[in-house]
């Protein structure tokens, strides 16, 4: 969690002056939703982005469903 706040400060808020707390909150939310979460590579995910991890996971799920369907159809024949 500390590395997240360090990155947030370095990449987003260090040089900005916000007029209101709501403006700061909206900017931080935007940073998290648009950049940090979907694109940043994470060590826990094998240094791939969450978007890439999710895409790979969906391919795996689809492949497993296809294999299961083929097995089910071959059993019925």
Protein backbone atom coordinates (compact mmCIF):
# COMPACT_ATOMS: atom_id res chain seq x y z
CA UNK A 1 0.00 0.00 0.00
CA UNK A 2 2.87 2.35 0.73
CA UNK A 3 4.22 1.92 -2.79
CA UNK A 4 0.81 2.87 -4.19
CA UNK A 5 0.77 6.16 -2.28
CA UNK A 6 4.35 6.87 -3.26
CA UNK A 7 3.51 6.29 -6.91
CA UNK A 8 0.37 8.40 -6.64
CA UNK A 9 2.33 11.30 -5.18
CA UNK A 10 5.14 11.01 -7.70
CA UNK A 11 3.03 10.53 -10.82
CA UNK A 12 -0.09 12.53 -10.11
CA UNK A 13 -0.33 14.89 -7.16
CA UNK A 14 3.18 16.17 -6.43
CA UNK A 15 3.04 19.20 -8.71
CA UNK A 16 -0.68 19.92 -8.63
CA UNK A 17 -2.60 22.39 -6.51
CA UNK A 18 -6.25 21.52 -6.06
CA UNK A 19 -8.84 24.23 -5.44
CA UNK A 20 -11.15 21.95 -3.49
CA UNK A 21 -11.08 18.61 -1.75
CA UNK A 22 -13.61 17.30 -4.26
CA UNK A 23 -11.31 18.28 -7.13
CA UNK A 24 -8.46 16.36 -5.49
CA UNK A 25 -10.71 13.37 -4.82
CA UNK A 26 -11.90 13.32 -8.44
CA UNK A 27 -8.34 13.53 -9.76
CA UNK A 28 -7.14 10.67 -7.55
CA UNK A 29 -10.15 8.57 -8.55
CA UNK A 30 -9.41 9.28 -12.21
CA UNK A 31 -5.78 8.23 -11.73
CA UNK A 32 -6.76 4.97 -10.07
CA UNK A 33 -9.44 4.03 -12.58
CA UNK A 34 -7.71 5.08 -15.78
CA UNK A 35 -4.06 4.37 -15.19
CA UNK A 36 -2.98 2.69 -11.98
CA UNK A 37 -5.37 -0.23 -11.83
CA UNK A 38 -5.84 -1.36 -15.43
CA UNK A 39 -2.42 -0.68 -16.92
CA UNK A 40 0.21 -0.83 -14.22
CA UNK A 41 2.19 -4.04 -14.14
CA UNK A 42 1.91 -5.85 -10.83
CA UNK A 43 4.47 -8.21 -9.35
CA UNK A 44 1.71 -10.45 -7.94
CA UNK A 45 0.38 -10.93 -11.48
CA UNK A 46 3.72 -11.92 -12.95
CA UNK A 47 4.53 -8.36 -14.00
CA UNK A 48 1.61 -8.05 -16.38
CA UNK A 49 -1.17 -5.49 -16.18
CA UNK A 50 -4.55 -6.36 -14.70
CA UNK A 51 -6.06 -5.86 -18.16
CA UNK A 52 -3.65 -8.42 -19.65
CA UNK A 53 -4.18 -10.79 -16.70
CA UNK A 54 -7.94 -10.61 -17.17
CA UNK A 55 -7.67 -11.17 -20.91
CA UNK A 56 -5.49 -14.23 -20.39
CA UNK A 57 -7.81 -15.54 -17.70
CA UNK A 58 -10.83 -15.16 -19.98
CA UNK A 59 -9.03 -17.08 -22.73
CA UNK A 60 -8.33 -19.84 -20.24
CA UNK A 61 -11.95 -19.94 -19.09
CA UNK A 62 -13.22 -20.01 -22.65
CA UNK A 63 -10.77 -22.78 -23.52
CA UNK A 64 -11.87 -24.86 -20.53
CA UNK A 65 -15.54 -24.43 -21.46
CA UNK A 66 -14.80 -25.49 -25.03
CA UNK A 67 -12.90 -28.59 -23.85
CA UNK A 68 -15.73 -29.46 -21.45
CA UNK A 69 -18.31 -29.07 -24.21
CA UNK A 70 -16.29 -31.30 -26.56
CA UNK A 71 -15.96 -33.93 -23.82
CA UNK A 72 -19.72 -33.79 -23.10
CA UNK A 73 -20.58 -34.15 -26.79
CA UNK A 74 -18.18 -37.05 -27.27
CA UNK A 75 -19.70 -38.87 -24.30
CA UNK A 76 -23.21 -38.52 -25.78
CA UNK A 77 -22.18 -39.95 -29.15
